[in-house]
Amino acid sequence: MTKRRRFTPEFKAQVVLDMITTPKSAGQASREYDIKDSVLSRWKQEFIERSPMLFEQSPV
């Protein structure tokens, strides 16, 4: 049985940005990073859904 790998938020963001900024599908990135394409698709979807929060104003 293999041990479950854990990835840092920084690594996930780097991979997703690579997928977004280059014409790279989840399948291609999956082979490059050795991570299942379903996992990469989930990361990308989460990134897209949460990115607007970066621009929300926080109370001072």
N, C-alpha and C. Protein backbone atom coordinates (compact mmCIF):
# COMPACT_ATOMS: atom_id res chain seq x y z
N MET A 1 0.84 -1.18 0.00
CA MET A 1 0.00 0.00 0.00
C MET A 1 0.89 1.24 0.00
N THR A 2 0.58 2.18 -0.86
CA THR A 2 1.41 3.38 -0.95
C THR A 2 0.91 4.44 0.02
N LYS A 3 1.84 5.26 0.45
CA LYS A 3 1.51 6.35 1.36
C LYS A 3 0.93 7.50 0.55
N ARG A 4 -0.11 8.10 1.08
CA ARG A 4 -0.76 9.22 0.41
C ARG A 4 0.17 10.43 0.40
N ARG A 5 0.33 11.01 -0.79
CA ARG A 5 1.21 12.19 -0.91
C ARG A 5 0.44 13.45 -0.53
N ARG A 6 1.15 14.38 0.06
CA ARG A 6 0.56 15.68 0.41
C ARG A 6 1.33 16.75 -0.34
N PHE A 7 0.59 17.71 -0.86
CA PHE A 7 1.19 18.79 -1.63
C PHE A 7 0.91 20.11 -0.94
N THR A 8 1.89 21.00 -0.95
CA THR A 8 1.72 22.31 -0.33
C THR A 8 0.79 23.16 -1.18
N PRO A 9 0.13 24.13 -0.56
CA PRO A 9 -0.69 25.05 -1.34
C PRO A 9 0.12 25.76 -2.43
N GLU A 10 1.38 26.06 -2.14
CA GLU A 10 2.23 26.74 -3.11
C GLU A 10 2.46 25.86 -4.34
N PHE A 11 2.70 24.58 -4.11
CA PHE A 11 2.91 23.66 -5.22
C PHE A 11 1.64 23.53 -6.05
N LYS A 12 0.49 23.40 -5.38
CA LYS A 12 -0.78 23.29 -6.10
C LYS A 12 -1.01 24.51 -6.98
N ALA A 13 -0.76 25.70 -6.41
CA ALA A 13 -0.94 26.93 -7.17
C ALA A 13 0.01 26.98 -8.36
N GLN A 14 1.24 26.55 -8.17
CA GLN A 14 2.22 26.54 -9.26
C GLN A 14 1.75 25.63 -10.39
N VAL A 15 1.26 24.45 -10.05
CA VAL A 15 0.80 23.50 -11.07
C VAL A 15 -0.42 24.06 -11.81
N VAL A 16 -1.37 24.61 -11.07
CA VAL A 16 -2.57 25.16 -11.70
C VAL A 16 -2.22 26.35 -12.59
N LEU A 17 -1.35 27.22 -12.13
CA LEU A 17 -0.93 28.35 -12.96
C LEU A 17 -0.23 27.87 -14.22
N ASP A 18 0.54 26.81 -14.11
CA ASP A 18 1.18 26.22 -15.28
C ASP A 18 0.12 25.73 -16.27
N MET A 19 -0.92 25.09 -15.75
CA MET A 19 -1.99 24.59 -16.62
C MET A 19 -2.76 25.73 -17.28
N ILE A 20 -2.94 26.83 -16.56
CA ILE A 20 -3.72 27.96 -17.08
C ILE A 20 -2.92 28.79 -18.07
N THR A 21 -1.64 29.00 -17.79
CA THR A 21 -0.84 29.91 -18.62
C THR A 21 -0.21 29.25 -19.83
N THR A 22 -0.25 27.94 -19.90
CA THR A 22 0.26 27.23 -21.08
C THR A 22 -0.87 26.38 -21.64
N PRO A 23 -0.81 26.10 -22.92
CA PRO A 23 -1.87 25.26 -23.50
C PRO A 23 -1.68 23.80 -23.09
N LYS A 24 -1.88 23.54 -21.80
CA LYS A 24 -1.62 22.22 -21.25
C LYS A 24 -2.91 21.67 -20.64
N SER A 25 -3.31 20.49 -21.06
CA SER A 25 -4.50 19.86 -20.50
C SER A 25 -4.17 19.21 -19.17
N ALA A 26 -5.22 18.83 -18.45
CA ALA A 26 -5.01 18.13 -17.18
C ALA A 26 -4.28 16.81 -17.43
N GLY A 27 -4.57 16.17 -18.55
CA GLY A 27 -3.89 14.91 -18.88
C GLY A 27 -2.40 15.10 -19.10
N GLN A 28 -2.04 16.17 -19.81
CA GLN A 28 -0.62 16.45 -20.05
C GLN A 28 0.09 16.79 -18.74
N ALA A 29 -0.54 17.63 -17.93
CA ALA A 29 0.04 18.01 -16.64
C ALA A 29 0.13 16.79 -15.73
N SER A 30 -0.86 15.91 -15.84
CA SER A 30 -0.86 14.68 -15.04
C SER A 30 0.37 13.84 -15.31
N ARG A 31 0.70 13.69 -16.56
CA ARG A 31 1.89 12.92 -16.92
C ARG A 31 3.17 13.64 -16.48
N GLU A 32 3.18 14.96 -16.64
CA GLU A 32 4.38 15.73 -16.29
C GLU A 32 4.66 15.72 -14.79
N TYR A 33 3.61 15.88 -13.98
CA TYR A 33 3.78 15.97 -12.52
C TYR A 33 3.51 14.65 -11.80
N ASP A 34 3.09 13.62 -12.54
CA ASP A 34 2.77 12.32 -11.96
C ASP A 34 1.68 12.45 -10.88
N ILE A 35 0.62 13.15 -11.24
CA ILE A 35 -0.54 13.34 -10.38
C ILE A 35 -1.77 13.04 -11.23
N LYS A 36 -2.75 12.37 -10.67
CA LYS A 36 -3.95 12.00 -11.43
C LYS A 36 -4.62 13.23 -12.01
N ASP A 37 -5.11 13.10 -13.26
CA ASP A 37 -5.74 14.25 -13.91
C ASP A 37 -7.01 14.69 -13.19
N SER A 38 -7.70 13.77 -12.52
CA SER A 38 -8.90 14.16 -11.77
C SER A 38 -8.53 15.06 -10.59
N VAL A 39 -7.38 14.81 -9.98
CA VAL A 39 -6.90 15.64 -8.87
C VAL A 39 -6.55 17.03 -9.40
N LEU A 40 -5.85 17.08 -10.53
CA LEU A 40 -5.47 18.37 -11.11
C LEU A 40 -6.70 19.16 -11.53
N SER A 41 -7.69 18.50 -12.09
CA SER A 41 -8.93 19.18 -12.47
C SER A 41 -9.62 19.77 -11.25
N ARG A 42 -9.61 19.03 -10.14
CA ARG A 42 -10.22 19.52 -8.90
C ARG A 42 -9.46 20.73 -8.37
N TRP A 43 -8.11 20.67 -8.41
CA TRP A 43 -7.31 21.81 -7.98
C TRP A 43 -7.62 23.04 -8.82
N LYS A 44 -7.71 22.84 -10.12
CA LYS A 44 -7.97 23.96 -11.03
C LYS A 44 -9.33 24.57 -10.75
N GLN A 45 -10.34 23.72 -10.54
CA GLN A 45 -11.69 24.22 -10.26
C GLN A 45 -11.71 24.99 -8.94
N GLU A 46 -11.04 24.48 -7.94
CA GLU A 46 -10.98 25.16 -6.64
C GLU A 46 -10.25 26.50 -6.77
N PHE A 47 -9.18 26.53 -7.54
CA PHE A 47 -8.42 27.75 -7.78
C PHE A 47 -9.32 28.81 -8.42
N ILE A 48 -10.06 28.40 -9.44
CA ILE A 48 -10.94 29.33 -10.15
C ILE A 48 -12.05 29.84 -9.24
N GLU A 49 -12.63 28.95 -8.44
CA GLU A 49 -13.72 29.35 -7.55
C GLU A 49 -13.25 30.28 -6.44
N ARG A 50 -12.04 30.07 -5.94
CA ARG A 50 -11.56 30.86 -4.80
C ARG A 50 -10.79 32.12 -5.20
N SER A 51 -10.39 32.24 -6.43
CA SER A 51 -9.56 33.38 -6.84
C SER A 51 -10.23 34.74 -6.63
N PRO A 52 -11.55 34.88 -6.78
CA PRO A 52 -12.14 36.20 -6.52
C PRO A 52 -11.92 36.70 -5.09
N MET A 53 -11.72 35.79 -4.15
CA MET A 53 -11.50 36.21 -2.75
C MET A 53 -10.21 37.01 -2.60
N LEU A 54 -9.29 36.86 -3.53
CA LEU A 54 -8.04 37.61 -3.46
C LEU A 54 -8.28 39.11 -3.59
N PHE A 55 -9.37 39.47 -4.24
CA PHE A 55 -9.62 40.87 -4.52
C PHE A 55 -10.69 41.47 -3.62
N GLU A 56 -11.16 40.71 -2.65
CA GLU A 56 -12.13 41.25 -1.72
C GLU A 56 -11.42 42.18 -0.75
N GLN A 57 -12.11 43.23 -0.38
CA GLN A 57 -11.53 44.17 0.56
C GLN A 57 -11.76 43.65 1.97
N SER A 58 -10.72 43.71 2.77
CA SER A 58 -10.87 43.29 4.16
C SER A 58 -11.07 44.53 5.02
N PRO A 59 -11.84 44.39 6.09
CA PRO A 59 -12.05 45.55 6.97
C PRO A 59 -10.74 45.95 7.64
N VAL A 60 -10.58 47.24 7.81
CA VAL A 60 -9.33 47.76 8.40
C VAL A 60 -9.42 47.83 9.89
